[in-house]
Amino acid sequence: MNKIRKGDNVVVLSGKDKGRTGEVLQVLPKEDRAVVRGINMVKRHQRQTQTQEAGIINKEASIHLSNIAIVGKDGKPTRVGFQVVDGKKVRVAKRSGDVIDG
């Protein structure tokens, strides 16, 4: 079970986008990285295909999981722990102790 999942709202802890928040679009567990909407934008040169025009496009690059943290209910970054509640393993915010909806 991963601490950060697709659909989570996260805040960037370090790097050029420090302090910005976004939604996780994709998690790459083997590389310990995640793609976050609007964060770590890079320019890529695109060759023309049948569906897309040629040109320079902006897209999100992945960011390391250690550089992002889940946004708690108070809007501040929080670490994630695990607890067993009603026989199920759930994610818990370390800052507040609240169960994170999954």
C-alpha atoms as a PDB file:
ATOM      1  CA  MET A   1       0.000   0.000   0.000  1.00  0.00           C
ATOM      2  CA  ASN A   2       1.464   3.318  -1.085  1.00  0.00           C
ATOM      3  CA  LYS A   3       1.497   6.446   1.073  1.00  0.00           C
ATOM      4  CA  ILE A   4       0.763   8.664  -1.940  1.00  0.00           C
ATOM      5  CA  ARG A   5      -1.847   7.580  -4.484  1.00  0.00           C
ATOM      6  CA  LYS A   6      -3.404   8.840  -7.697  1.00  0.00           C
ATOM      7  CA  GLY A   7      -5.958  11.559  -6.958  1.00  0.00           C
ATOM      8  CA  ASP A   8      -4.317  12.806  -3.736  1.00  0.00           C
ATOM      9  CA  ASN A   9      -3.749  16.535  -3.244  1.00  0.00           C
ATOM     10  CA  VAL A  10      -0.082  17.147  -2.475  1.00  0.00           C
ATOM     11  CA  VAL A  11       2.198  20.095  -1.716  1.00  0.00           C
ATOM     12  CA  VAL A  12       5.757  20.384  -3.059  1.00  0.00           C
ATOM     13  CA  LEU A  13       8.349  20.538  -0.265  1.00  0.00           C
ATOM     14  CA  SER A  14      11.459  21.435  -2.285  1.00  0.00           C
ATOM     15  CA  GLY A  15      12.601  22.471  -5.729  1.00  0.00           C
ATOM     16  CA  LYS A  16      11.519  25.180  -8.156  1.00  0.00           C
ATOM     17  CA  ASP A  17       7.816  24.618  -7.390  1.00  0.00           C
ATOM     18  CA  LYS A  18       8.199  24.666  -3.581  1.00  0.00           C
ATOM     19  CA  GLY A  19       4.944  25.514  -1.814  1.00  0.00           C
ATOM     20  CA  ARG A  20       2.665  24.838  -4.788  1.00  0.00           C
ATOM     21  CA  THR A  21      -0.097  22.248  -4.603  1.00  0.00           C
ATOM     22  CA  GLY A  22      -1.581  19.916  -7.178  1.00  0.00           C
ATOM     23  CA  GLU A  23      -3.326  16.624  -7.792  1.00  0.00           C
ATOM     24  CA  VAL A  24      -1.367  13.420  -8.359  1.00  0.00           C
ATOM     25  CA  LEU A  25      -2.017  12.201 -11.914  1.00  0.00           C
ATOM     26  CA  GLN A  26       0.226   9.128 -11.870  1.00  0.00           C
ATOM     27  CA  VAL A  27       2.444   7.283  -9.395  1.00  0.00           C
ATOM     28  CA  LEU A  28       5.557   5.417 -10.561  1.00  0.00           C
ATOM     29  CA  PRO A  29       6.332   3.138  -7.573  1.00  0.00           C
ATOM     30  CA  LYS A  30       9.367   1.413  -9.120  1.00  0.00           C
ATOM     31  CA  GLU A  31      11.106   4.785  -9.588  1.00  0.00           C
ATOM     32  CA  ASP A  32       9.679   6.337  -6.349  1.00  0.00           C
ATOM     33  CA  ARG A  33       8.266   9.215  -8.418  1.00  0.00           C
ATOM     34  CA  ALA A  34       4.899  10.830  -9.117  1.00  0.00           C
ATOM     35  CA  VAL A  35       3.433  13.116 -11.791  1.00  0.00           C
ATOM     36  CA  VAL A  36       1.540  16.083 -10.320  1.00  0.00           C
ATOM     37  CA  ARG A  37      -0.832  18.341 -12.316  1.00  0.00           C
ATOM     38  CA  GLY A  38       0.815  21.710 -13.047  1.00  0.00           C
ATOM     39  CA  ILE A  39       4.048  20.904 -11.190  1.00  0.00           C
ATOM     40  CA  ASN A  40       7.556  20.481 -12.680  1.00  0.00           C
ATOM     41  CA  MET A  41       6.502  21.635 -16.156  1.00  0.00           C
ATOM     42  CA  VAL A  42       8.999  20.974 -18.947  1.00  0.00           C
ATOM     43  CA  LYS A  43       9.033  21.832 -22.647  1.00  0.00           C
ATOM     44  CA  ARG A  44       9.176  18.965 -25.129  1.00  0.00           C
ATOM     45  CA  HIS A  45       9.596  19.120 -28.892  1.00  0.00           C
ATOM     46  CA  GLN A  46       6.851  17.102 -30.567  1.00  0.00           C
ATOM     47  CA  ARG A  47       6.959  15.594 -34.020  1.00  0.00           C
ATOM     48  CA  GLN A  48       3.760  15.810 -36.042  1.00  0.00           C
ATOM     49  CA  THR A  49       1.498  12.766 -35.993  1.00  0.00           C
ATOM     50  CA  GLN A  50      -1.957  12.055 -37.375  1.00  0.00           C
ATOM     51  CA  THR A  51      -3.566  13.232 -34.154  1.00  0.00           C
ATOM     52  CA  GLN A  52      -1.166  15.958 -32.930  1.00  0.00           C
ATOM     53  CA  GLU A  53       0.426  18.976 -34.499  1.00  0.00           C
ATOM     54  CA  ALA A  54       4.170  19.556 -34.426  1.00  0.00           C
ATOM     55  CA  GLY A  55       5.635  22.100 -32.027  1.00  0.00           C
ATOM     56  CA  ILE A  56       6.869  22.682 -28.512  1.00  0.00           C
ATOM     57  CA  ILE A  57       4.471  21.457 -25.836  1.00  0.00           C
ATOM     58  CA  ASN A  58       4.446  21.877 -22.054  1.00  0.00           C
ATOM     59  CA  LYS A  59       3.960  18.752 -19.979  1.00  0.00           C
ATOM     60  CA  GLU A  60       4.455  17.598 -16.419  1.00  0.00           C
ATOM     61  CA  ALA A  61       7.626  15.717 -15.555  1.00  0.00           C
ATOM     62  CA  SER A  62       7.763  13.352 -12.594  1.00  0.00           C
ATOM     63  CA  ILE A  63       8.896  14.508  -9.155  1.00  0.00           C
ATOM     64  CA  HIS A  64      10.467  12.357  -6.444  1.00  0.00           C
ATOM     65  CA  LEU A  65       8.108  11.177  -3.696  1.00  0.00           C
ATOM     66  CA  SER A  66      10.407  12.571  -0.998  1.00  0.00           C
ATOM     67  CA  ASN A  67       9.775  16.083  -2.348  1.00  0.00           C
ATOM     68  CA  ILE A  68       5.980  15.994  -1.979  1.00  0.00           C
ATOM     69  CA  ALA A  69       3.637  15.556   0.979  1.00  0.00           C
ATOM     70  CA  ILE A  70      -0.111  15.037   1.270  1.00  0.00           C
ATOM     71  CA  VAL A  71      -2.145  18.144   2.149  1.00  0.00           C
ATOM     72  CA  GLY A  72      -4.050  17.636   5.404  1.00  0.00           C
ATOM     73  CA  LYS A  73      -7.505  18.992   6.208  1.00  0.00           C
ATOM     74  CA  ASP A  74      -5.875  22.132   7.651  1.00  0.00           C
ATOM     75  CA  GLY A  75      -4.087  22.806   4.334  1.00  0.00           C
ATOM     76  CA  LYS A  76      -0.637  22.019   5.713  1.00  0.00           C
ATOM     77  CA  PRO A  77       1.653  19.179   4.594  1.00  0.00           C
ATOM     78  CA  THR A  78       1.467  15.997   6.648  1.00  0.00           C
ATOM     79  CA  ARG A  79       3.286  12.701   6.764  1.00  0.00           C
ATOM     80  CA  VAL A  80       1.352   9.474   6.301  1.00  0.00           C
ATOM     81  CA  GLY A  81       1.155   6.473   8.588  1.00  0.00           C
ATOM     82  CA  PHE A  82      -0.932   3.315   8.626  1.00  0.00           C
ATOM     83  CA  GLN A  83      -3.412   1.900  11.144  1.00  0.00           C
ATOM     84  CA  VAL A  84      -5.830  -1.004  11.180  1.00  0.00           C
ATOM     85  CA  VAL A  85      -9.405   0.286  11.584  1.00  0.00           C
ATOM     86  CA  ASP A  86     -12.325  -2.190  11.552  1.00  0.00           C
ATOM     87  CA  GLY A  87     -10.043  -4.893  10.153  1.00  0.00           C
ATOM     88  CA  LYS A  88      -8.828  -2.727   7.260  1.00  0.00           C
ATOM     89  CA  LYS A  89      -5.455  -1.076   6.840  1.00  0.00           C
ATOM     90  CA  VAL A  90      -5.995   2.662   6.279  1.00  0.00           C
ATOM     91  CA  ARG A  91      -3.784   5.714   5.751  1.00  0.00           C
ATOM     92  CA  VAL A  92      -3.622   8.151   8.657  1.00  0.00           C
ATOM     93  CA  ALA A  93      -2.356  11.767   8.706  1.00  0.00           C
ATOM     94  CA  LYS A  94       0.452  12.051  11.268  1.00  0.00           C
ATOM     95  CA  ARG A  95      -0.244  15.755  11.920  1.00  0.00           C
ATOM     96  CA  SER A  96      -3.907  15.384  12.884  1.00  0.00           C
ATOM     97  CA  GLY A  97      -4.485  11.652  13.279  1.00  0.00           C
ATOM     98  CA  ASP A  98      -7.369  11.764  10.777  1.00  0.00           C
ATOM     99  CA  VAL A  99      -8.013   8.908   8.357  1.00  0.00           C
ATOM    100  CA  ILE A 100      -7.146   9.886   4.774  1.00  0.00           C
ATOM    101  CA  ASP A 101      -9.935   9.078   2.326  1.00  0.00           C
ATOM    102  CA  GLY A 102      -8.768   6.565  -0.240  1.00  0.00           C
END
